[in-house]
Amino acid sequence: MTTRLTAAERRDDVLDAALVEFAEQGYEGTSTEDIARRAGISQPYLFRLFGTKKELFKAAVARCLRETLEMFQRAAEGLRGEDALHAIGRAYMDELETDRVRLRAQMQAYAACEDDEIRTVVRNGFGDLVAYVERVSGLPPEEVARFFATGMLLNVLASMQLTSRPDEPWARLLLQGLGKDV
């Protein structure tokens, strides 16, 4: 007997499929047909759920950034100050090394920020991350900025697959500068 999914469960499945496709091909390069196929639904049903490809992209990006915030919150639970930042940083590094879909989806989201609506979603999600880190750390703006600058550098290195086994001397130099054993 096949269990029928609720609309919310089906929507979540479509967002999972969309995140993978958008991470691989970007907003412009991804077809709704590929997303529907990956999700196991028809393309018309995809449009019934989300209306447009842009609405689907915005929903997938918003969810990706929200889940990143939730990961930050789990990592820092019960911690404050630099202890919270270190815990968030460790959790984020683990995520970068184990889930390239999220990393690539975030990079694609930044690249799609030429569109006003997408830029708003990305700004809001990223702003939530900054607000949380500021609140939980209680650290001055310079430290919060340094934390995010480090994270962005790690995103770039991870996107080139240079965080766990850097084979380029310059990547080793940067990772050592960030205090990562290589």
N, C-alpha and C. Protein backbone atom coordinates (compact mmCIF):
# COMPACT_ATOMS: atom_id res chain seq x y z
N MET A 1 0.84 -1.18 0.00
CA MET A 1 0.00 0.00 0.00
C MET A 1 0.88 1.25 0.00
N THR A 2 0.59 2.17 -0.86
CA THR A 2 1.33 3.42 -0.97
C THR A 2 0.69 4.46 -0.08
N THR A 3 1.55 5.13 0.71
CA THR A 3 1.06 6.19 1.57
C THR A 3 1.02 7.48 0.78
N ARG A 4 -0.09 8.13 0.83
CA ARG A 4 -0.25 9.40 0.11
C ARG A 4 0.31 10.54 0.95
N LEU A 5 1.11 11.38 0.32
CA LEU A 5 1.71 12.51 1.03
C LEU A 5 0.71 13.65 1.16
N THR A 6 0.84 14.37 2.26
CA THR A 6 0.05 15.59 2.41
C THR A 6 0.63 16.66 1.49
N ALA A 7 -0.12 17.72 1.28
CA ALA A 7 0.36 18.81 0.45
C ALA A 7 1.64 19.41 1.03
N ALA A 8 1.71 19.53 2.35
CA ALA A 8 2.91 20.08 2.99
C ALA A 8 4.11 19.16 2.79
N GLU A 9 3.89 17.85 2.90
CA GLU A 9 4.98 16.90 2.67
C GLU A 9 5.43 16.94 1.21
N ARG A 10 4.49 17.01 0.30
CA ARG A 10 4.84 17.09 -1.12
C ARG A 10 5.60 18.38 -1.40
N ARG A 11 5.17 19.45 -0.79
CA ARG A 11 5.85 20.74 -0.96
C ARG A 11 7.30 20.64 -0.46
N ASP A 12 7.49 20.01 0.69
CA ASP A 12 8.85 19.81 1.22
C ASP A 12 9.70 18.97 0.27
N ASP A 13 9.11 17.92 -0.29
CA ASP A 13 9.84 17.08 -1.26
C ASP A 13 10.25 17.89 -2.48
N VAL A 14 9.35 18.74 -2.95
CA VAL A 14 9.67 19.58 -4.11
C VAL A 14 10.79 20.56 -3.75
N LEU A 15 10.74 21.14 -2.57
CA LEU A 15 11.81 22.06 -2.15
C LEU A 15 13.15 21.33 -2.05
N ASP A 16 13.14 20.09 -1.57
CA ASP A 16 14.37 19.29 -1.53
C ASP A 16 14.91 19.09 -2.93
N ALA A 17 14.05 18.69 -3.84
CA ALA A 17 14.46 18.45 -5.24
C ALA A 17 14.95 19.75 -5.87
N ALA A 18 14.24 20.83 -5.62
CA ALA A 18 14.61 22.12 -6.21
C ALA A 18 15.97 22.57 -5.70
N LEU A 19 16.23 22.38 -4.42
CA LEU A 19 17.50 22.81 -3.86
C LEU A 19 18.66 22.08 -4.55
N VAL A 20 18.50 20.79 -4.77
CA VAL A 20 19.53 20.01 -5.45
C VAL A 20 19.74 20.53 -6.87
N GLU A 21 18.65 20.71 -7.60
CA GLU A 21 18.75 21.17 -8.99
C GLU A 21 19.32 22.58 -9.08
N PHE A 22 18.84 23.49 -8.24
CA PHE A 22 19.34 24.86 -8.26
C PHE A 22 20.81 24.90 -7.83
N ALA A 23 21.20 24.05 -6.88
CA ALA A 23 22.60 23.99 -6.45
C ALA A 23 23.49 23.55 -7.60
N GLU A 24 23.00 22.62 -8.41
CA GLU A 24 23.80 22.09 -9.52
C GLU A 24 23.85 23.05 -10.70
N GLN A 25 22.72 23.68 -11.04
CA GLN A 25 22.63 24.43 -12.28
C GLN A 25 22.39 25.93 -12.13
N GLY A 26 22.12 26.40 -10.93
CA GLY A 26 21.81 27.81 -10.73
C GLY A 26 20.37 28.11 -11.11
N TYR A 27 19.97 29.33 -10.83
CA TYR A 27 18.60 29.73 -11.11
C TYR A 27 18.31 29.70 -12.60
N GLU A 28 19.15 30.32 -13.38
CA GLU A 28 18.91 30.41 -14.83
C GLU A 28 19.03 29.05 -15.51
N GLY A 29 19.95 28.22 -15.07
CA GLY A 29 20.23 26.96 -15.76
C GLY A 29 19.33 25.81 -15.39
N THR A 30 18.51 25.98 -14.38
CA THR A 30 17.65 24.89 -13.91
C THR A 30 16.29 24.96 -14.58
N SER A 31 15.82 23.81 -15.02
CA SER A 31 14.47 23.76 -15.61
C SER A 31 13.48 23.22 -14.59
N THR A 32 12.28 23.72 -14.64
CA THR A 32 11.23 23.21 -13.75
C THR A 32 10.91 21.77 -14.12
N GLU A 33 11.14 21.39 -15.34
CA GLU A 33 10.92 20.00 -15.76
C GLU A 33 11.87 19.07 -14.99
N ASP A 34 13.14 19.47 -14.85
CA ASP A 34 14.10 18.66 -14.11
C ASP A 34 13.73 18.58 -12.63
N ILE A 35 13.26 19.68 -12.08
CA ILE A 35 12.85 19.68 -10.67
C ILE A 35 11.66 18.75 -10.48
N ALA A 36 10.67 18.86 -11.35
CA ALA A 36 9.47 18.02 -11.25
C ALA A 36 9.86 16.55 -11.37
N ARG A 37 10.74 16.23 -12.31
CA ARG A 37 11.17 14.84 -12.49
C ARG A 37 11.85 14.33 -11.23
N ARG A 38 12.76 15.13 -10.67
CA ARG A 38 13.47 14.71 -9.45
C ARG A 38 12.49 14.53 -8.28
N ALA A 39 11.47 15.37 -8.22
CA ALA A 39 10.49 15.29 -7.14
C ALA A 39 9.44 14.21 -7.37
N GLY A 40 9.40 13.68 -8.59
CA GLY A 40 8.42 12.62 -8.90
C GLY A 40 7.02 13.16 -9.08
N ILE A 41 6.91 14.37 -9.59
CA ILE A 41 5.60 14.98 -9.83
C ILE A 41 5.56 15.52 -11.25
N SER A 42 4.39 15.94 -11.66
CA SER A 42 4.26 16.56 -12.98
C SER A 42 4.66 18.03 -12.89
N GLN A 43 5.09 18.58 -14.01
CA GLN A 43 5.43 20.00 -14.06
C GLN A 43 4.21 20.88 -13.75
N PRO A 44 3.01 20.55 -14.27
CA PRO A 44 1.85 21.37 -13.90
C PRO A 44 1.58 21.38 -12.39
N TYR A 45 1.81 20.23 -11.73
CA TYR A 45 1.60 20.18 -10.28
C TYR A 45 2.63 21.07 -9.57
N LEU A 46 3.86 21.08 -10.07
CA LEU A 46 4.88 21.95 -9.50
C LEU A 46 4.42 23.40 -9.56
N PHE A 47 3.85 23.79 -10.71
CA PHE A 47 3.38 25.16 -10.85
C PHE A 47 2.14 25.43 -9.98
N ARG A 48 1.33 24.42 -9.74
CA ARG A 48 0.20 24.59 -8.82
C ARG A 48 0.71 24.86 -7.40
N LEU A 49 1.80 24.21 -7.05
CA LEU A 49 2.35 24.38 -5.70
C LEU A 49 3.06 25.72 -5.51
N PHE A 50 3.80 26.18 -6.53
CA PHE A 50 4.66 27.35 -6.36
C PHE A 50 4.37 28.51 -7.30
N GLY A 51 3.58 28.30 -8.32
CA GLY A 51 3.23 29.39 -9.22
C GLY A 51 4.24 29.63 -10.33
N THR A 52 5.46 29.96 -9.94
CA THR A 52 6.50 30.25 -10.93
C THR A 52 7.83 29.64 -10.48
N LYS A 53 8.74 29.56 -11.41
CA LYS A 53 10.09 29.09 -11.09
C LYS A 53 10.74 30.02 -10.07
N LYS A 54 10.52 31.33 -10.23
CA LYS A 54 11.12 32.29 -9.29
C LYS A 54 10.58 32.08 -7.88
N GLU A 55 9.28 31.86 -7.76
CA GLU A 55 8.70 31.63 -6.42
C GLU A 55 9.28 30.36 -5.80
N LEU A 56 9.49 29.34 -6.62
CA LEU A 56 10.10 28.09 -6.13
C LEU A 56 11.54 28.35 -5.69
N PHE A 57 12.30 29.09 -6.48
CA PHE A 57 13.68 29.41 -6.12
C PHE A 57 13.72 30.19 -4.82
N LYS A 58 12.87 31.20 -4.70
CA LYS A 58 12.84 32.00 -3.48
C LYS A 58 12.49 31.14 -2.27
N ALA A 59 11.54 30.24 -2.42
CA ALA A 59 11.14 29.36 -1.32
C ALA A 59 12.29 28.42 -0.94
N ALA A 60 12.99 27.88 -1.93
CA ALA A 60 14.10 26.97 -1.66
C ALA A 60 15.25 27.70 -0.97
N VAL A 61 15.56 28.90 -1.43
CA VAL A 61 16.64 29.70 -0.82
C VAL A 61 16.26 30.11 0.60
N ALA A 62 15.04 30.57 0.79
CA ALA A 62 14.60 30.98 2.13
C ALA A 62 14.69 29.81 3.09
N ARG A 63 14.27 28.64 2.64
CA ARG A 63 14.34 27.46 3.50
C ARG A 63 15.79 27.07 3.79
N CYS A 64 16.65 27.13 2.80
CA CYS A 64 18.06 26.81 2.98
C CYS A 64 18.69 27.73 4.03
N LEU A 65 18.44 29.01 3.93
CA LEU A 65 19.00 29.96 4.89
C LEU A 65 18.37 29.79 6.27
N ARG A 66 17.08 29.48 6.32
CA ARG A 66 16.42 29.23 7.61
C ARG A 66 17.01 27.99 8.28
N GLU A 67 17.27 26.95 7.50
CA GLU A 67 17.85 25.74 8.06
C GLU A 67 19.29 25.98 8.52
N THR A 68 19.99 26.88 7.85
CA THR A 68 21.32 27.26 8.31
C THR A 68 21.22 27.97 9.66
N LEU A 69 20.25 28.86 9.79
CA LEU A 69 20.01 29.53 11.06
C LEU A 69 19.68 28.51 12.16
N GLU A 70 18.85 27.56 11.86
CA GLU A 70 18.49 26.52 12.83
C GLU A 70 19.72 25.71 13.25
N MET A 71 20.62 25.45 12.30
CA MET A 71 21.86 24.75 12.62
C MET A 71 22.71 25.61 13.55
N PHE A 72 22.80 26.92 13.28
CA PHE A 72 23.51 27.84 14.17
C PHE A 72 22.91 27.76 15.57
N GLN A 73 21.60 27.79 15.66
CA GLN A 73 20.92 27.79 16.96
C GLN A 73 21.18 26.50 17.72
N ARG A 74 21.13 25.36 17.04
CA ARG A 74 21.41 24.08 17.71
C ARG A 74 22.85 24.05 18.21
N ALA A 75 23.78 24.52 17.38
CA ALA A 75 25.19 24.48 17.74
C ALA A 75 25.50 25.36 18.95
N ALA A 76 24.85 26.50 19.04
CA ALA A 76 25.15 27.47 20.10
C ALA A 76 24.26 27.32 21.32
N GLU A 77 23.40 26.33 21.32
CA GLU A 77 22.45 26.18 22.43
C GLU A 77 23.18 26.16 23.78
N GLY A 78 22.77 27.08 24.66
CA GLY A 78 23.34 27.16 26.00
C GLY A 78 24.68 27.89 26.07
N LEU A 79 25.17 28.38 24.95
CA LEU A 79 26.48 29.04 24.92
C LEU A 79 26.32 30.52 24.63
N ARG A 80 27.33 31.29 24.99
CA ARG A 80 27.35 32.71 24.72
C ARG A 80 28.77 33.13 24.36
N GLY A 81 28.88 34.31 23.79
CA GLY A 81 30.19 34.88 23.49
C GLY A 81 30.97 34.07 22.47
N GLU A 82 32.29 34.06 22.67
CA GLU A 82 33.16 33.36 21.73
C GLU A 82 32.89 31.86 21.72
N ASP A 83 32.46 31.29 22.84
CA ASP A 83 32.13 29.87 22.87
C ASP A 83 31.02 29.56 21.85
N ALA A 84 30.03 30.44 21.79
CA ALA A 84 28.94 30.24 20.82
C ALA A 84 29.47 30.34 19.40
N LEU A 85 30.32 31.34 19.13
CA LEU A 85 30.88 31.48 17.79
C LEU A 85 31.70 30.27 17.39
N HIS A 86 32.51 29.76 18.30
CA HIS A 86 33.33 28.58 17.98
C HIS A 86 32.44 27.37 17.69
N ALA A 87 31.38 27.21 18.48
CA ALA A 87 30.47 26.08 18.24
C ALA A 87 29.76 26.21 16.90
N ILE A 88 29.33 27.42 16.58
CA ILE A 88 28.68 27.65 15.28
C ILE A 88 29.67 27.40 14.15
N GLY A 89 30.88 27.90 14.31
CA GLY A 89 31.91 27.71 13.28
C GLY A 89 32.21 26.24 13.04
N ARG A 90 32.33 25.45 14.12
CA ARG A 90 32.59 24.01 13.97
C ARG A 90 31.42 23.33 13.26
N ALA A 91 30.22 23.66 13.67
CA ALA A 91 29.04 23.04 13.04
C ALA A 91 28.95 23.42 11.57
N TYR A 92 29.26 24.68 11.26
CA TYR A 92 29.21 25.12 9.87
C TYR A 92 30.26 24.41 9.03
N MET A 93 31.47 24.25 9.58
CA MET A 93 32.52 23.53 8.84
C MET A 93 32.10 22.09 8.60
N ASP A 94 31.52 21.46 9.59
CA ASP A 94 31.04 20.08 9.40
C ASP A 94 30.02 20.04 8.27
N GLU A 95 29.14 21.02 8.25
CA GLU A 95 28.11 21.10 7.22
C GLU A 95 28.74 21.29 5.84
N LEU A 96 29.72 22.19 5.75
CA LEU A 96 30.38 22.44 4.46
C LEU A 96 31.02 21.17 3.91
N GLU A 97 31.57 20.38 4.81
CA GLU A 97 32.30 19.19 4.37
C GLU A 97 31.39 18.00 4.11
N THR A 98 30.16 18.03 4.61
CA THR A 98 29.28 16.87 4.44
C THR A 98 28.08 17.13 3.55
N ASP A 99 27.71 18.38 3.33
CA ASP A 99 26.50 18.68 2.55
C ASP A 99 26.80 19.77 1.54
N ARG A 100 27.34 19.37 0.40
CA ARG A 100 27.70 20.34 -0.63
C ARG A 100 26.48 20.97 -1.28
N VAL A 101 25.33 20.33 -1.17
CA VAL A 101 24.11 20.89 -1.77
C VAL A 101 23.80 22.24 -1.15
N ARG A 102 23.80 22.31 0.17
CA ARG A 102 23.50 23.56 0.85
C ARG A 102 24.51 24.66 0.51
N LEU A 103 25.77 24.30 0.53
CA LEU A 103 26.82 25.25 0.18
C LEU A 103 26.61 25.77 -1.24
N ARG A 104 26.44 24.87 -2.19
CA ARG A 104 26.29 25.28 -3.58
C ARG A 104 25.00 26.07 -3.79
N ALA A 105 23.95 25.71 -3.08
CA ALA A 105 22.69 26.45 -3.20
C ALA A 105 22.86 27.88 -2.70
N GLN A 106 23.58 28.05 -1.59
CA GLN A 106 23.82 29.39 -1.09
C GLN A 106 24.66 30.20 -2.07
N MET A 107 25.68 29.58 -2.64
CA MET A 107 26.51 30.29 -3.62
C MET A 107 25.66 30.70 -4.83
N GLN A 108 24.78 29.81 -5.28
CA GLN A 108 23.90 30.14 -6.41
C GLN A 108 22.93 31.26 -6.03
N ALA A 109 22.49 31.26 -4.78
CA ALA A 109 21.58 32.33 -4.33
C ALA A 109 22.27 33.69 -4.39
N TYR A 110 23.52 33.74 -3.93
CA TYR A 110 24.25 35.01 -4.00
C TYR A 110 24.41 35.46 -5.45
N ALA A 111 24.67 34.50 -6.33
CA ALA A 111 24.87 34.82 -7.75
C ALA A 111 23.58 35.33 -8.39
N ALA A 112 22.43 34.92 -7.88
CA ALA A 112 21.13 35.31 -8.47
C ALA A 112 20.61 36.63 -7.91
N CYS A 113 21.39 37.32 -7.12
CA CYS A 113 20.93 38.54 -6.45
C CYS A 113 20.76 39.73 -7.38
N GLU A 114 20.96 39.56 -8.66
CA GLU A 114 20.66 40.66 -9.59
C GLU A 114 19.16 40.91 -9.65
N ASP A 115 18.38 39.89 -9.35
CA ASP A 115 16.93 40.01 -9.34
C ASP A 115 16.50 40.60 -7.99
N ASP A 116 15.70 41.66 -8.03
CA ASP A 116 15.28 42.35 -6.80
C ASP A 116 14.59 41.44 -5.80
N GLU A 117 13.68 40.60 -6.27
CA GLU A 117 12.92 39.73 -5.36
C GLU A 117 13.82 38.68 -4.73
N ILE A 118 14.70 38.10 -5.52
CA ILE A 118 15.62 37.10 -4.99
C ILE A 118 16.59 37.77 -4.01
N ARG A 119 17.09 38.93 -4.38
CA ARG A 119 18.01 39.66 -3.51
C ARG A 119 17.36 39.93 -2.14
N THR A 120 16.08 40.27 -2.14
CA THR A 120 15.38 40.52 -0.88
C THR A 120 15.34 39.27 -0.01
N VAL A 121 15.05 38.13 -0.61
CA VAL A 121 15.01 36.87 0.14
C VAL A 121 16.40 36.55 0.71
N VAL A 122 17.43 36.70 -0.11
CA VAL A 122 18.79 36.40 0.34
C VAL A 122 19.21 37.39 1.44
N ARG A 123 18.93 38.66 1.25
CA ARG A 123 19.27 39.65 2.28
C ARG A 123 18.57 39.34 3.60
N ASN A 124 17.30 39.01 3.54
CA ASN A 124 16.56 38.71 4.77
C ASN A 124 17.13 37.49 5.47
N GLY A 125 17.38 36.43 4.72
CA GLY A 125 17.92 35.21 5.32
C GLY A 125 19.31 35.42 5.90
N PHE A 126 20.17 36.10 5.15
CA PHE A 126 21.52 36.37 5.63
C PHE A 126 21.47 37.32 6.82
N GLY A 127 20.58 38.30 6.76
CA GLY A 127 20.41 39.22 7.88
C GLY A 127 19.99 38.51 9.15
N ASP A 128 19.14 37.50 9.02
CA ASP A 128 18.75 36.71 10.19
C ASP A 128 19.95 35.99 10.80
N LEU A 129 20.85 35.50 9.95
CA LEU A 129 22.07 34.84 10.45
C LEU A 129 22.93 35.83 11.22
N VAL A 130 23.11 37.01 10.65
CA VAL A 130 23.93 38.03 11.31
C VAL A 130 23.30 38.46 12.63
N ALA A 131 22.01 38.70 12.62
CA ALA A 131 21.32 39.13 13.85
C ALA A 131 21.46 38.07 14.94
N TYR A 132 21.33 36.80 14.58
CA TYR A 132 21.46 35.75 15.58
C TYR A 132 22.88 35.70 16.15
N VAL A 133 23.86 35.73 15.27
CA VAL A 133 25.25 35.66 15.73
C VAL A 133 25.58 36.86 16.62
N GLU A 134 25.11 38.02 16.23
CA GLU A 134 25.34 39.21 17.07
C GLU A 134 24.69 39.02 18.45
N ARG A 135 23.47 38.54 18.45
CA ARG A 135 22.73 38.38 19.71
C ARG A 135 23.36 37.32 20.60
N VAL A 136 23.69 36.16 20.04
CA VAL A 136 24.19 35.06 20.86
C VAL A 136 25.64 35.30 21.31
N SER A 137 26.39 36.02 20.49
CA SER A 137 27.80 36.23 20.86
C SER A 137 27.96 37.44 21.78
N GLY A 138 27.13 38.48 21.56
CA GLY A 138 27.29 39.70 22.34
C GLY A 138 28.59 40.42 22.02
N LEU A 139 29.23 40.04 20.93
CA LEU A 139 30.52 40.61 20.58
C LEU A 139 30.35 41.87 19.74
N PRO A 140 31.40 42.69 19.69
CA PRO A 140 31.31 43.94 18.92
C PRO A 140 31.22 43.66 17.41
N PRO A 141 30.78 44.66 16.66
CA PRO A 141 30.61 44.49 15.21
C PRO A 141 31.84 43.96 14.49
N GLU A 142 33.05 44.36 14.93
CA GLU A 142 34.27 43.89 14.26
C GLU A 142 34.40 42.37 14.35
N GLU A 143 34.05 41.82 15.51
CA GLU A 143 34.16 40.37 15.71
C GLU A 143 33.09 39.63 14.92
N VAL A 144 31.90 40.18 14.89
CA VAL A 144 30.82 39.57 14.10
C VAL A 144 31.18 39.60 12.62
N ALA A 145 31.71 40.73 12.16
CA ALA A 145 32.12 40.85 10.76
C ALA A 145 33.24 39.86 10.45
N ARG A 146 34.21 39.73 11.34
CA ARG A 146 35.31 38.79 11.14
C ARG A 146 34.79 37.35 11.06
N PHE A 147 33.82 37.03 11.89
CA PHE A 147 33.21 35.69 11.87
C PHE A 147 32.60 35.40 10.50
N PHE A 148 31.84 36.37 9.97
CA PHE A 148 31.19 36.15 8.67
C PHE A 148 32.20 36.21 7.52
N ALA A 149 33.21 37.04 7.64
CA ALA A 149 34.25 37.08 6.61
C ALA A 149 34.96 35.73 6.53
N THR A 150 35.24 35.16 7.68
CA THR A 150 35.87 33.84 7.72
C THR A 150 34.94 32.80 7.09
N GLY A 151 33.67 32.88 7.43
CA GLY A 151 32.70 31.94 6.86
C GLY A 151 32.62 32.04 5.35
N MET A 152 32.65 33.26 4.83
CA MET A 152 32.58 33.44 3.38
C MET A 152 33.83 32.90 2.71
N LEU A 153 35.00 33.13 3.31
CA LEU A 153 36.23 32.56 2.76
C LEU A 153 36.14 31.04 2.76
N LEU A 154 35.64 30.48 3.83
CA LEU A 154 35.47 29.02 3.89
C LEU A 154 34.47 28.55 2.82
N ASN A 155 33.41 29.32 2.58
CA ASN A 155 32.46 28.97 1.50
C ASN A 155 33.18 28.89 0.16
N VAL A 156 34.01 29.88 -0.11
CA VAL A 156 34.73 29.92 -1.39
C VAL A 156 35.67 28.73 -1.49
N LEU A 157 36.43 28.47 -0.44
CA LEU A 157 37.35 27.33 -0.46
C LEU A 157 36.60 26.01 -0.57
N ALA A 158 35.50 25.90 0.17
CA ALA A 158 34.71 24.66 0.10
C ALA A 158 34.10 24.47 -1.28
N SER A 159 33.69 25.56 -1.93
CA SER A 159 33.10 25.43 -3.26
C SER A 159 34.13 24.89 -4.25
N MET A 160 35.42 25.14 -3.99
CA MET A 160 36.49 24.61 -4.82
C MET A 160 37.01 23.27 -4.29
N GLN A 161 36.34 22.75 -3.27
CA GLN A 161 36.70 21.49 -2.61
C GLN A 161 38.13 21.52 -2.08
N LEU A 162 38.44 22.60 -1.38
CA LEU A 162 39.78 22.79 -0.83
C LEU A 162 39.81 22.87 0.69
N THR A 163 38.72 22.52 1.38
CA THR A 163 38.74 22.65 2.84
C THR A 163 39.25 21.40 3.53
N SER A 164 38.92 20.23 3.05
CA SER A 164 39.33 19.02 3.75
C SER A 164 40.67 18.48 3.27
N ARG A 165 40.96 18.66 1.99
CA ARG A 165 42.25 18.20 1.45
C ARG A 165 42.80 19.24 0.48
N PRO A 166 43.33 20.33 1.02
CA PRO A 166 43.82 21.38 0.14
C PRO A 166 45.10 20.95 -0.58
N ASP A 167 45.05 20.86 -1.89
CA ASP A 167 46.24 20.46 -2.65
C ASP A 167 46.95 21.66 -3.26
N GLU A 168 46.43 22.83 -3.00
CA GLU A 168 47.06 24.06 -3.49
C GLU A 168 47.77 24.75 -2.32
N PRO A 169 49.03 25.13 -2.51
CA PRO A 169 49.75 25.80 -1.40
C PRO A 169 49.03 27.05 -0.89
N TRP A 170 48.43 27.84 -1.78
CA TRP A 170 47.75 29.05 -1.34
C TRP A 170 46.53 28.72 -0.49
N ALA A 171 45.85 27.59 -0.78
CA ALA A 171 44.69 27.20 0.02
C ALA A 171 45.15 26.75 1.41
N ARG A 172 46.24 26.01 1.47
CA ARG A 172 46.78 25.60 2.77
C ARG A 172 47.14 26.84 3.59
N LEU A 173 47.75 27.83 2.94
CA LEU A 173 48.13 29.07 3.61
C LEU A 173 46.90 29.74 4.22
N LEU A 174 45.83 29.87 3.43
CA LEU A 174 44.61 30.52 3.93
C LEU A 174 43.99 29.72 5.07
N LEU A 175 43.92 28.41 4.92
CA LEU A 175 43.32 27.58 5.97
C LEU A 175 44.16 27.62 7.25
N GLN A 176 45.48 27.61 7.12
CA GLN A 176 46.32 27.74 8.30
C GLN A 176 46.11 29.10 8.96
N GLY A 177 45.94 30.13 8.15
CA GLY A 177 45.67 31.47 8.68
C GLY A 177 44.37 31.54 9.44
N LEU A 178 43.44 30.66 9.08
CA LEU A 178 42.15 30.59 9.78
C LEU A 178 42.21 29.66 10.99
N GLY A 179 43.37 29.04 11.21
CA GLY A 179 43.53 28.16 12.36
C GLY A 179 43.05 26.74 12.11
N LYS A 180 42.87 26.37 10.86
CA LYS A 180 42.41 25.01 10.52
C LYS A 180 43.63 24.15 10.26
N ASP A 181 43.68 22.99 10.91
CA ASP A 181 44.77 22.05 10.68
C ASP A 181 44.67 21.47 9.29
N VAL A 182 45.78 21.52 8.54
CA VAL A 182 45.81 20.97 7.18
C VAL A 182 47.03 20.11 7.01
